[in-house]
Amino acid sequence: MTSVTFSPDGQITATAGEDGTAKLWTISGHLFTEFKGHQGCVTSVSFCESEKRIATAGDDGIVRLWRVEGLDELLVRGWDWLKDYTVARSRLVTTASNQSREGFLGEFLVHDKVVRIYQGDITNLVTDVIVSSDDTYLQMNGGVSWKIRQVGGNEIYKETRNLIPLFLGDVAVTTAGKLKAKKVFHGAVIDWHDEILPFQNLIRQVVHTCLEKANQYGFQSIAFPLLGTGTGRFSTPVAWEITLRQIIKDLSVDTHNMVEVIVVLYGRKLPEELNVKGFLEKVEKLGWRSLL
């Protein structure tokens, strides 16, 4: 245990540990829930009195905010409800293995839903849905789609043969093979036959459709690459902006069941080129509505 603090009313204890978790306890020592997300040791934890949030900091150099809304009311109504309530807000998506120079760069909330930025290989994520960027015939022979086929196995590709051809903007759903996911959503953003490359409204449409389908399936987590930026040669900065704006727009709807959305940046220089740190600071200062 590296840090201990009490809630403003003295009813809850928060602890930080070397195992990468922060935990909430009753004053009698009963565990409410734990929050996972840091890479390595969590060095400090504290309650944010006015907003009912817990802030943690770790050896990974990231400060995280964990929302615990209506804490007082939940304590009155019972421990079981609080456990369900807070677990739903702990981080769902993890990594299948620890890869050097990969990891989560930061996050922000849209209402009670979290958007996280991950630098690394999308196939290393443990999530409900992994999104693939492909053409209308789902050839899976370049960029992120090839990586998904390579890691997930050829059975994913074989399954797509029964789903083609797609129209531009369509999203096909297959199993995830050997990937640590439940489904792969294949977004058609290129039409090689008619020589149509990705464009802005198409990217928006595919992001929206993926989130809509995930909601219909009852999934709680999904990971997006920057669609069309590989083989499709679509502008990476534009894809970054479009993807985030559309995700925020969809998550701002109160009826959306999604809990966690990951935006994956493949390439070690991308976080700096896209100024991810500056973006997260802007969201923290101005709020997610400033991006709509």
C-alpha atoms as a PDB file:
ATOM      1  CA  MET A   1       0.000   0.000   0.000  1.00  0.00           C
ATOM      2  CA  THR A   2       1.474   3.348  -1.074  1.00  0.00           C
ATOM      3  CA  SER A   3      -1.232   5.888  -0.122  1.00  0.00           C
ATOM      4  CA  VAL A   4      -4.355   6.116   2.066  1.00  0.00           C
ATOM      5  CA  THR A   5      -7.011   8.830   2.295  1.00  0.00           C
ATOM      6  CA  PHE A   6     -10.531   9.271   3.706  1.00  0.00           C
ATOM      7  CA  SER A   7     -13.637  10.633   1.987  1.00  0.00           C
ATOM      8  CA  PRO A   8     -14.824  14.091   3.161  1.00  0.00           C
ATOM      9  CA  ASP A   9     -17.542  12.504   5.324  1.00  0.00           C
ATOM     10  CA  GLY A  10     -15.144   9.948   6.800  1.00  0.00           C
ATOM     11  CA  GLN A  11     -17.223   6.966   5.648  1.00  0.00           C
ATOM     12  CA  ILE A  12     -14.978   5.642   2.863  1.00  0.00           C
ATOM     13  CA  THR A  13     -11.264   4.896   2.723  1.00  0.00           C
ATOM     14  CA  ALA A  14      -9.346   4.999  -0.557  1.00  0.00           C
ATOM     15  CA  THR A  15      -6.025   3.200  -0.948  1.00  0.00           C
ATOM     16  CA  ALA A  16      -3.381   3.047  -3.675  1.00  0.00           C
ATOM     17  CA  GLY A  17      -1.150   0.043  -4.256  1.00  0.00           C
ATOM     18  CA  GLU A  18       1.925  -1.260  -5.992  1.00  0.00           C
ATOM     19  CA  ASP A  19      -0.288  -3.671  -7.973  1.00  0.00           C
ATOM     20  CA  GLY A  20      -1.559  -0.790 -10.142  1.00  0.00           C
ATOM     21  CA  THR A  21      -4.975  -0.443  -8.460  1.00  0.00           C
ATOM     22  CA  ALA A  22      -6.829   2.007  -6.248  1.00  0.00           C
ATOM     23  CA  LYS A  23      -9.504   0.632  -3.930  1.00  0.00           C
ATOM     24  CA  LEU A  24     -12.502   1.905  -1.964  1.00  0.00           C
ATOM     25  CA  TRP A  25     -13.206   0.438   1.474  1.00  0.00           C
ATOM     26  CA  THR A  26     -15.817   0.885   4.172  1.00  0.00           C
ATOM     27  CA  ILE A  27     -14.519   2.314   7.408  1.00  0.00           C
ATOM     28  CA  SER A  28     -14.861  -1.205   8.834  1.00  0.00           C
ATOM     29  CA  GLY A  29     -12.502  -2.554   6.192  1.00  0.00           C
ATOM     30  CA  HIS A  30     -14.963  -4.074   3.681  1.00  0.00           C
ATOM     31  CA  LEU A  31     -13.876  -3.687   0.034  1.00  0.00           C
ATOM     32  CA  PHE A  32     -16.330  -1.717  -2.144  1.00  0.00           C
ATOM     33  CA  THR A  33     -14.510  -1.868  -5.460  1.00  0.00           C
ATOM     34  CA  GLU A  34     -11.201  -1.332  -7.181  1.00  0.00           C
ATOM     35  CA  PHE A  35     -10.120   0.829 -10.097  1.00  0.00           C
ATOM     36  CA  LYS A  36      -7.613  -0.453 -12.652  1.00  0.00           C
ATOM     37  CA  GLY A  37      -5.889   1.479 -15.407  1.00  0.00           C
ATOM     38  CA  HIS A  38      -2.416   2.570 -14.383  1.00  0.00           C
ATOM     39  CA  GLN A  39       0.642   0.896 -15.850  1.00  0.00           C
ATOM     40  CA  GLY A  40       2.682   0.081 -12.758  1.00  0.00           C
ATOM     41  CA  CYS A  41       2.477   1.329  -9.180  1.00  0.00           C
ATOM     42  CA  VAL A  42      -0.231   3.800  -8.073  1.00  0.00           C
ATOM     43  CA  THR A  43       1.651   6.289  -5.909  1.00  0.00           C
ATOM     44  CA  SER A  44      -1.145   8.477  -4.538  1.00  0.00           C
ATOM     45  CA  VAL A  45      -4.924   8.711  -4.234  1.00  0.00           C
ATOM     46  CA  SER A  46      -7.230  11.490  -3.033  1.00  0.00           C
ATOM     47  CA  PHE A  47     -10.901  12.452  -2.970  1.00  0.00           C
ATOM     48  CA  CYS A  48     -12.119  15.499  -4.913  1.00  0.00           C
ATOM     49  CA  GLU A  49     -14.573  16.876  -2.385  1.00  0.00           C
ATOM     50  CA  SER A  50     -16.782  19.014  -4.613  1.00  0.00           C
ATOM     51  CA  GLU A  51     -17.266  16.595  -7.512  1.00  0.00           C
ATOM     52  CA  LYS A  52     -17.318  13.213  -5.804  1.00  0.00           C
ATOM     53  CA  ARG A  53     -14.362  11.920  -7.773  1.00  0.00           C
ATOM     54  CA  ILE A  54     -11.207  10.065  -6.867  1.00  0.00           C
ATOM     55  CA  ALA A  55      -7.894  11.194  -8.341  1.00  0.00           C
ATOM     56  CA  THR A  56      -4.954   8.814  -8.667  1.00  0.00           C
ATOM     57  CA  ALA A  57      -1.377   9.236  -9.864  1.00  0.00           C
ATOM     58  CA  GLY A  58       1.088   6.538 -10.796  1.00  0.00           C
ATOM     59  CA  ASP A  59       4.588   5.710 -11.874  1.00  0.00           C
ATOM     60  CA  ASP A  60       3.318   5.816 -15.477  1.00  0.00           C
ATOM     61  CA  GLY A  61       3.182   9.612 -15.153  1.00  0.00           C
ATOM     62  CA  ILE A  62      -0.585   9.786 -15.629  1.00  0.00           C
ATOM     63  CA  VAL A  63      -3.182  11.351 -13.330  1.00  0.00           C
ATOM     64  CA  ARG A  64      -6.593   9.681 -13.592  1.00  0.00           C
ATOM     65  CA  LEU A  65     -10.023  10.789 -12.395  1.00  0.00           C
ATOM     66  CA  TRP A  66     -12.545   8.148 -11.318  1.00  0.00           C
ATOM     67  CA  ARG A  67     -16.104   9.363 -10.926  1.00  0.00           C
ATOM     68  CA  VAL A  68     -18.209   8.175  -7.985  1.00  0.00           C
ATOM     69  CA  GLU A  69     -21.436  10.156  -8.335  1.00  0.00           C
ATOM     70  CA  GLY A  70     -23.939  10.416  -5.498  1.00  0.00           C
ATOM     71  CA  LEU A  71     -21.644   8.688  -3.011  1.00  0.00           C
ATOM     72  CA  ASP A  72     -23.642   9.728   0.043  1.00  0.00           C
ATOM     73  CA  GLU A  73     -26.951   8.516  -1.392  1.00  0.00           C
ATOM     74  CA  LEU A  74     -25.423   5.229  -2.493  1.00  0.00           C
ATOM     75  CA  LEU A  75     -24.011   4.606   0.986  1.00  0.00           C
ATOM     76  CA  VAL A  76     -27.487   4.976   2.441  1.00  0.00           C
ATOM     77  CA  ARG A  77     -29.059   2.594  -0.073  1.00  0.00           C
ATOM     78  CA  GLY A  78     -26.540  -0.167   0.409  1.00  0.00           C
ATOM     79  CA  TRP A  79     -23.153  -1.637  -0.368  1.00  0.00           C
ATOM     80  CA  ASP A  80     -24.271  -3.886  -3.257  1.00  0.00           C
ATOM     81  CA  TRP A  81     -25.583  -0.950  -5.285  1.00  0.00           C
ATOM     82  CA  LEU A  82     -22.403   1.049  -4.709  1.00  0.00           C
ATOM     83  CA  LYS A  83     -20.289  -1.880  -5.842  1.00  0.00           C
ATOM     84  CA  ASP A  84     -22.214  -2.230  -9.112  1.00  0.00           C
ATOM     85  CA  TYR A  85     -22.233   1.518  -9.581  1.00  0.00           C
ATOM     86  CA  THR A  86     -18.510   2.052  -9.149  1.00  0.00           C
ATOM     87  CA  VAL A  87     -17.363  -1.085 -10.985  1.00  0.00           C
ATOM     88  CA  ALA A  88     -19.234   0.175 -14.041  1.00  0.00           C
ATOM     89  CA  ARG A  89     -16.950   3.213 -13.932  1.00  0.00           C
ATOM     90  CA  SER A  90     -13.693   1.356 -13.454  1.00  0.00           C
ATOM     91  CA  ARG A  91     -11.650   0.773 -16.584  1.00  0.00           C
ATOM     92  CA  LEU A  92     -12.857  -2.151 -18.670  1.00  0.00           C
ATOM     93  CA  VAL A  93     -10.254  -2.311 -21.414  1.00  0.00           C
ATOM     94  CA  THR A  94      -6.853  -3.770 -20.579  1.00  0.00           C
ATOM     95  CA  THR A  95      -3.879  -5.066 -22.542  1.00  0.00           C
ATOM     96  CA  ALA A  96      -3.247  -8.720 -23.371  1.00  0.00           C
ATOM     97  CA  SER A  97       0.468  -8.283 -22.750  1.00  0.00           C
ATOM     98  CA  ASN A  98       2.829  -5.555 -21.625  1.00  0.00           C
ATOM     99  CA  GLN A  99       4.582  -4.184 -24.682  1.00  0.00           C
ATOM    100  CA  SER A 100       7.427  -1.699 -24.443  1.00  0.00           C
ATOM    101  CA  ARG A 101       6.589   1.835 -25.531  1.00  0.00           C
ATOM    102  CA  GLU A 102       2.864   1.069 -25.607  1.00  0.00           C
ATOM    103  CA  GLY A 103       0.214   2.191 -23.170  1.00  0.00           C
ATOM    104  CA  PHE A 104      -2.671   4.496 -22.328  1.00  0.00           C
ATOM    105  CA  LEU A 105      -1.805   8.168 -22.711  1.00  0.00           C
ATOM    106  CA  GLY A 106      -4.811   9.703 -20.969  1.00  0.00           C
ATOM    107  CA  GLU A 107      -8.588   9.873 -20.862  1.00  0.00           C
ATOM    108  CA  PHE A 108     -11.617  12.116 -20.409  1.00  0.00           C
ATOM    109  CA  LEU A 109     -15.266  11.672 -19.505  1.00  0.00           C
ATOM    110  CA  VAL A 110     -18.375  12.306 -21.597  1.00  0.00           C
ATOM    111  CA  HIS A 111     -21.104  12.257 -18.948  1.00  0.00           C
ATOM    112  CA  ASP A 112     -20.282   8.968 -17.162  1.00  0.00           C
ATOM    113  CA  LYS A 113     -18.594   7.354 -20.171  1.00  0.00           C
ATOM    114  CA  VAL A 114     -14.843   7.358 -20.652  1.00  0.00           C
ATOM    115  CA  VAL A 115     -12.787   7.966 -23.788  1.00  0.00           C
ATOM    116  CA  ARG A 116      -9.191   6.743 -23.550  1.00  0.00           C
ATOM    117  CA  ILE A 117      -6.241   7.276 -25.860  1.00  0.00           C
ATOM    118  CA  TYR A 118      -3.946   4.294 -26.432  1.00  0.00           C
ATOM    119  CA  GLN A 119      -0.606   4.347 -28.230  1.00  0.00           C
ATOM    120  CA  GLY A 120       0.259   0.945 -29.632  1.00  0.00           C
ATOM    121  CA  ASP A 121      -1.133  -2.107 -31.395  1.00  0.00           C
ATOM    122  CA  ILE A 122      -4.935  -2.415 -31.383  1.00  0.00           C
ATOM    123  CA  THR A 123      -4.668  -6.225 -31.423  1.00  0.00           C
ATOM    124  CA  ASN A 124      -3.056  -6.103 -27.969  1.00  0.00           C
ATOM    125  CA  LEU A 125      -6.250  -4.764 -26.366  1.00  0.00           C
ATOM    126  CA  VAL A 126      -8.742  -6.794 -24.347  1.00  0.00           C
ATOM    127  CA  THR A 127     -12.101  -5.259 -25.287  1.00  0.00           C
ATOM    128  CA  ASP A 128     -15.576  -6.181 -26.486  1.00  0.00           C
ATOM    129  CA  VAL A 129     -15.052  -4.856 -30.022  1.00  0.00           C
ATOM    130  CA  ILE A 130     -12.043  -4.141 -32.206  1.00  0.00           C
ATOM    131  CA  VAL A 131     -12.750  -2.007 -35.274  1.00  0.00           C
ATOM    132  CA  SER A 132     -10.969  -2.756 -38.550  1.00  0.00           C
ATOM    133  CA  SER A 133     -10.443  -0.360 -41.457  1.00  0.00           C
ATOM    134  CA  ASP A 134     -10.905  -2.053 -44.825  1.00  0.00           C
ATOM    135  CA  ASP A 135     -12.293  -1.913 -48.371  1.00  0.00           C
ATOM    136  CA  THR A 136     -15.685  -2.970 -49.686  1.00  0.00           C
ATOM    137  CA  TYR A 137     -14.420  -6.515 -50.362  1.00  0.00           C
ATOM    138  CA  LEU A 138     -12.805  -6.865 -46.927  1.00  0.00           C
ATOM    139  CA  GLN A 139      -9.537  -8.073 -48.373  1.00  0.00           C
ATOM    140  CA  MET A 140      -7.716  -7.602 -45.055  1.00  0.00           C
ATOM    141  CA  ASN A 141      -4.401  -7.276 -46.871  1.00  0.00           C
ATOM    142  CA  GLY A 142      -3.028  -3.994 -45.567  1.00  0.00           C
ATOM    143  CA  GLY A 143      -2.697  -1.785 -42.495  1.00  0.00           C
ATOM    144  CA  VAL A 144      -4.767  -2.533 -39.432  1.00  0.00           C
ATOM    145  CA  SER A 145      -6.972  -5.091 -41.206  1.00  0.00           C
ATOM    146  CA  TRP A 146      -3.912  -7.188 -42.096  1.00  0.00           C
ATOM    147  CA  LYS A 147      -2.661  -6.995 -38.514  1.00  0.00           C
ATOM    148  CA  ILE A 148      -6.064  -8.157 -37.238  1.00  0.00           C
ATOM    149  CA  ARG A 149      -6.006 -11.066 -39.706  1.00  0.00           C
ATOM    150  CA  GLN A 150      -2.432 -11.932 -38.796  1.00  0.00           C
ATOM    151  CA  VAL A 151      -2.987 -11.948 -35.021  1.00  0.00           C
ATOM    152  CA  GLY A 152      -6.620 -13.061 -34.935  1.00  0.00           C
ATOM    153  CA  GLY A 153      -6.182 -15.861 -37.439  1.00  0.00           C
ATOM    154  CA  ASN A 154      -7.383 -16.625 -40.957  1.00  0.00           C
ATOM    155  CA  GLU A 155     -10.793 -17.726 -39.695  1.00  0.00           C
ATOM    156  CA  ILE A 156     -11.787 -14.046 -39.449  1.00  0.00           C
ATOM    157  CA  TYR A 157     -10.960 -13.557 -43.115  1.00  0.00           C
ATOM    158  CA  LYS A 158     -12.823 -16.731 -44.106  1.00  0.00           C
ATOM    159  CA  GLU A 159     -15.919 -15.466 -42.301  1.00  0.00           C
ATOM    160  CA  THR A 160     -15.835 -12.184 -44.223  1.00  0.00           C
ATOM    161  CA  ARG A 161     -16.144 -14.078 -47.529  1.00  0.00           C
ATOM    162  CA  ASN A 162     -19.829 -14.607 -46.778  1.00  0.00           C
ATOM    163  CA  LEU A 163     -20.407 -10.898 -46.117  1.00  0.00           C
ATOM    164  CA  ILE A 164     -19.060  -9.228 -49.275  1.00  0.00           C
ATOM    165  CA  PRO A 165     -19.368  -7.039 -51.181  1.00  0.00           C
ATOM    166  CA  LEU A 166     -20.216  -4.143 -48.885  1.00  0.00           C
ATOM    167  CA  PHE A 167     -21.223  -0.611 -49.768  1.00  0.00           C
ATOM    168  CA  LEU A 168     -19.000   2.239 -48.695  1.00  0.00           C
ATOM    169  CA  GLY A 169     -19.843   3.105 -45.090  1.00  0.00           C
ATOM    170  CA  ASP A 170     -21.152  -0.368 -44.249  1.00  0.00           C
ATOM    171  CA  VAL A 171     -19.899  -2.187 -41.164  1.00  0.00           C
ATOM    172  CA  ALA A 172     -19.708  -6.003 -41.198  1.00  0.00           C
ATOM    173  CA  VAL A 173     -19.496  -8.011 -37.980  1.00  0.00           C
ATOM    174  CA  THR A 174     -17.452 -11.189 -37.475  1.00  0.00           C
ATOM    175  CA  THR A 175     -16.090 -13.197 -34.611  1.00  0.00           C
ATOM    176  CA  ALA A 176     -12.676 -12.178 -33.304  1.00  0.00           C
ATOM    177  CA  GLY A 177     -10.700 -15.401 -33.693  1.00  0.00           C
ATOM    178  CA  LYS A 178      -7.671 -15.423 -31.424  1.00  0.00           C
ATOM    179  CA  LEU A 179      -8.002 -11.764 -30.511  1.00  0.00           C
ATOM    180  CA  LYS A 180      -8.954 -10.860 -26.940  1.00  0.00           C
ATOM    181  CA  ALA A 181     -12.266  -9.442 -28.159  1.00  0.00           C
ATOM    182  CA  LYS A 182     -15.816 -10.617 -28.707  1.00  0.00           C
ATOM    183  CA  LYS A 183     -16.308  -9.204 -32.196  1.00  0.00           C
ATOM    184  CA  VAL A 184     -14.499  -7.446 -35.012  1.00  0.00           C
ATOM    185  CA  PHE A 185     -16.376  -4.630 -36.763  1.00  0.00           C
ATOM    186  CA  HIS A 186     -15.101  -4.234 -40.330  1.00  0.00           C
ATOM    187  CA  GLY A 187     -15.659  -0.706 -41.643  1.00  0.00           C
ATOM    188  CA  ALA A 188     -15.696  -0.267 -45.441  1.00  0.00           C
ATOM    189  CA  VAL A 189     -13.874   3.024 -46.088  1.00  0.00           C
ATOM    190  CA  ILE A 190     -12.270   2.262 -49.484  1.00  0.00           C
ATOM    191  CA  ASP A 191     -13.774   1.217 -52.819  1.00  0.00           C
ATOM    192  CA  TRP A 192     -10.938   0.057 -55.049  1.00  0.00           C
ATOM    193  CA  HIS A 193     -13.307  -0.877 -57.908  1.00  0.00           C
ATOM    194  CA  ASP A 194     -14.632   2.670 -58.290  1.00  0.00           C
ATOM    195  CA  GLU A 195     -11.367   4.210 -57.063  1.00  0.00           C
ATOM    196  CA  ILE A 196     -12.963   5.953 -54.060  1.00  0.00           C
ATOM    197  CA  LEU A 197     -10.677   6.684 -51.141  1.00  0.00           C
ATOM    198  CA  PRO A 198     -11.773   7.709 -47.620  1.00  0.00           C
ATOM    199  CA  PHE A 199     -13.390  11.112 -47.084  1.00  0.00           C
ATOM    200  CA  GLN A 200     -14.592  12.977 -44.010  1.00  0.00           C
ATOM    201  CA  ASN A 201     -18.306  12.138 -44.011  1.00  0.00           C
ATOM    202  CA  LEU A 202     -17.484   8.493 -44.668  1.00  0.00           C
ATOM    203  CA  ILE A 203     -15.250   8.302 -41.600  1.00  0.00           C
ATOM    204  CA  ARG A 204     -17.965   9.956 -39.498  1.00  0.00           C
ATOM    205  CA  GLN A 205     -20.542   7.498 -40.794  1.00  0.00           C
ATOM    206  CA  VAL A 206     -18.452   4.416 -40.012  1.00  0.00           C
ATOM    207  CA  VAL A 207     -17.562   5.605 -36.496  1.00  0.00           C
ATOM    208  CA  HIS A 208     -21.234   6.323 -35.793  1.00  0.00           C
ATOM    209  CA  THR A 209     -22.384   2.989 -37.231  1.00  0.00           C
ATOM    210  CA  CYS A 210     -19.836   1.079 -35.149  1.00  0.00           C
ATOM    211  CA  LEU A 211     -20.987   2.768 -31.947  1.00  0.00           C
ATOM    212  CA  GLU A 212     -24.620   2.207 -32.888  1.00  0.00           C
ATOM    213  CA  LYS A 213     -24.041  -1.489 -33.574  1.00  0.00           C
ATOM    214  CA  ALA A 214     -22.052  -1.910 -30.363  1.00  0.00           C
ATOM    215  CA  ASN A 215     -24.942  -0.334 -28.476  1.00  0.00           C
ATOM    216  CA  GLN A 216     -27.431  -2.703 -30.149  1.00  0.00           C
ATOM    217  CA  TYR A 217     -25.301  -5.723 -29.229  1.00  0.00           C
ATOM    218  CA  GLY A 218     -25.130  -4.526 -25.635  1.00  0.00           C
ATOM    219  CA  PHE A 219     -21.358  -4.191 -25.687  1.00  0.00           C
ATOM    220  CA  GLN A 220     -19.665  -1.832 -23.237  1.00  0.00           C
ATOM    221  CA  SER A 221     -16.229  -1.279 -24.783  1.00  0.00           C
ATOM    222  CA  ILE A 222     -14.864  -0.683 -28.271  1.00  0.00           C
ATOM    223  CA  ALA A 223     -11.470   0.232 -29.769  1.00  0.00           C
ATOM    224  CA  PHE A 224     -11.068   2.357 -32.909  1.00  0.00           C
ATOM    225  CA  PRO A 225      -8.009   2.811 -35.117  1.00  0.00           C
ATOM    226  CA  LEU A 226      -7.751   6.032 -37.116  1.00  0.00           C
ATOM    227  CA  LEU A 227      -9.829   4.768 -40.027  1.00  0.00           C
ATOM    228  CA  GLY A 228      -8.509   5.106 -43.559  1.00  0.00           C
ATOM    229  CA  THR A 229      -5.101   6.492 -42.584  1.00  0.00           C
ATOM    230  CA  GLY A 230      -3.081   3.455 -43.665  1.00  0.00           C
ATOM    231  CA  THR A 231      -3.720   2.025 -47.116  1.00  0.00           C
ATOM    232  CA  GLY A 232      -6.391   4.665 -47.702  1.00  0.00           C
ATOM    233  CA  ARG A 233      -3.858   7.493 -47.166  1.00  0.00           C
ATOM    234  CA  PHE A 234      -6.439   9.656 -45.383  1.00  0.00           C
ATOM    235  CA  SER A 235      -5.040  12.560 -43.345  1.00  0.00           C
ATOM    236  CA  THR A 236      -4.147  11.345 -39.851  1.00  0.00           C
ATOM    237  CA  PRO A 237      -4.810  14.701 -38.088  1.00  0.00           C
ATOM    238  CA  VAL A 238      -8.207  14.988 -39.789  1.00  0.00           C
ATOM    239  CA  ALA A 239      -9.113  11.390 -38.923  1.00  0.00           C
ATOM    240  CA  TRP A 240      -8.090  12.049 -35.300  1.00  0.00           C
ATOM    241  CA  GLU A 241     -10.345  15.101 -35.065  1.00  0.00           C
ATOM    242  CA  ILE A 242     -13.304  13.493 -36.866  1.00  0.00           C
ATOM    243  CA  THR A 243     -13.112  10.309 -34.806  1.00  0.00           C
ATOM    244  CA  LEU A 244     -13.047  12.123 -31.474  1.00  0.00           C
ATOM    245  CA  ARG A 245     -15.844  14.529 -32.394  1.00  0.00           C
ATOM    246  CA  GLN A 246     -18.108  11.717 -33.569  1.00  0.00           C
ATOM    247  CA  ILE A 247     -17.396   9.599 -30.501  1.00  0.00           C
ATOM    248  CA  ILE A 248     -18.214  12.534 -28.228  1.00  0.00           C
ATOM    249  CA  LYS A 249     -21.387  13.279 -30.190  1.00  0.00           C
ATOM    250  CA  ASP A 250     -22.598   9.696 -29.876  1.00  0.00           C
ATOM    251  CA  LEU A 251     -21.676   9.300 -26.211  1.00  0.00           C
ATOM    252  CA  SER A 252     -23.391  12.573 -25.323  1.00  0.00           C
ATOM    253  CA  VAL A 253     -26.733  10.807 -25.883  1.00  0.00           C
ATOM    254  CA  ASP A 254     -27.973   9.665 -22.483  1.00  0.00           C
ATOM    255  CA  THR A 255     -29.494   6.434 -23.844  1.00  0.00           C
ATOM    256  CA  HIS A 256     -26.128   5.136 -25.087  1.00  0.00           C
ATOM    257  CA  ASN A 257     -25.015   2.016 -23.207  1.00  0.00           C
ATOM    258  CA  MET A 258     -21.330   2.256 -24.110  1.00  0.00           C
ATOM    259  CA  VAL A 259     -19.048   2.612 -21.090  1.00  0.00           C
ATOM    260  CA  GLU A 260     -15.573   2.878 -22.608  1.00  0.00           C
ATOM    261  CA  VAL A 261     -14.227   3.891 -26.029  1.00  0.00           C
ATOM    262  CA  ILE A 262     -10.571   3.595 -26.991  1.00  0.00           C
ATOM    263  CA  VAL A 263      -8.911   5.595 -29.758  1.00  0.00           C
ATOM    264  CA  VAL A 264      -5.745   3.807 -30.851  1.00  0.00           C
ATOM    265  CA  LEU A 265      -2.730   5.586 -32.279  1.00  0.00           C
ATOM    266  CA  TYR A 266      -0.351   3.269 -34.125  1.00  0.00           C
ATOM    267  CA  GLY A 267       3.077   4.828 -34.382  1.00  0.00           C
ATOM    268  CA  ARG A 268       5.416   6.126 -31.713  1.00  0.00           C
ATOM    269  CA  LYS A 269       5.577   9.652 -33.115  1.00  0.00           C
ATOM    270  CA  LEU A 270       1.816  10.121 -33.485  1.00  0.00           C
ATOM    271  CA  PRO A 271       1.069  11.293 -29.907  1.00  0.00           C
ATOM    272  CA  GLU A 272       3.507  14.163 -30.329  1.00  0.00           C
ATOM    273  CA  GLU A 273       2.453  14.939 -33.916  1.00  0.00           C
ATOM    274  CA  LEU A 274      -1.204  15.096 -32.891  1.00  0.00           C
ATOM    275  CA  ASN A 275      -0.410  16.964 -29.660  1.00  0.00           C
ATOM    276  CA  VAL A 276      -2.391  14.484 -27.581  1.00  0.00           C
ATOM    277  CA  LYS A 277      -1.188  16.086 -24.354  1.00  0.00           C
ATOM    278  CA  GLY A 278      -2.458  19.495 -25.458  1.00  0.00           C
ATOM    279  CA  PHE A 279      -5.769  18.012 -26.547  1.00  0.00           C
ATOM    280  CA  LEU A 280      -6.347  16.341 -23.176  1.00  0.00           C
ATOM    281  CA  GLU A 281      -5.430  19.539 -21.349  1.00  0.00           C
ATOM    282  CA  LYS A 282      -7.956  21.446 -23.472  1.00  0.00           C
ATOM    283  CA  VAL A 283     -10.716  18.947 -22.683  1.00  0.00           C
ATOM    284  CA  GLU A 284      -9.853  19.113 -18.989  1.00  0.00           C
ATOM    285  CA  LYS A 285     -10.029  22.901 -19.033  1.00  0.00           C
ATOM    286  CA  LEU A 286     -12.976  23.539 -21.381  1.00  0.00           C
ATOM    287  CA  GLY A 287     -14.922  20.275 -21.184  1.00  0.00           C
ATOM    288  CA  TRP A 288     -15.939  17.823 -23.902  1.00  0.00           C
ATOM    289  CA  ARG A 289     -18.754  20.079 -25.152  1.00  0.00           C
ATOM    290  CA  SER A 290     -16.113  22.461 -26.498  1.00  0.00           C
ATOM    291  CA  LEU A 291     -15.318  19.868 -29.179  1.00  0.00           C
ATOM    292  CA  LEU A 292     -18.833  19.596 -30.593  1.00  0.00           C
END
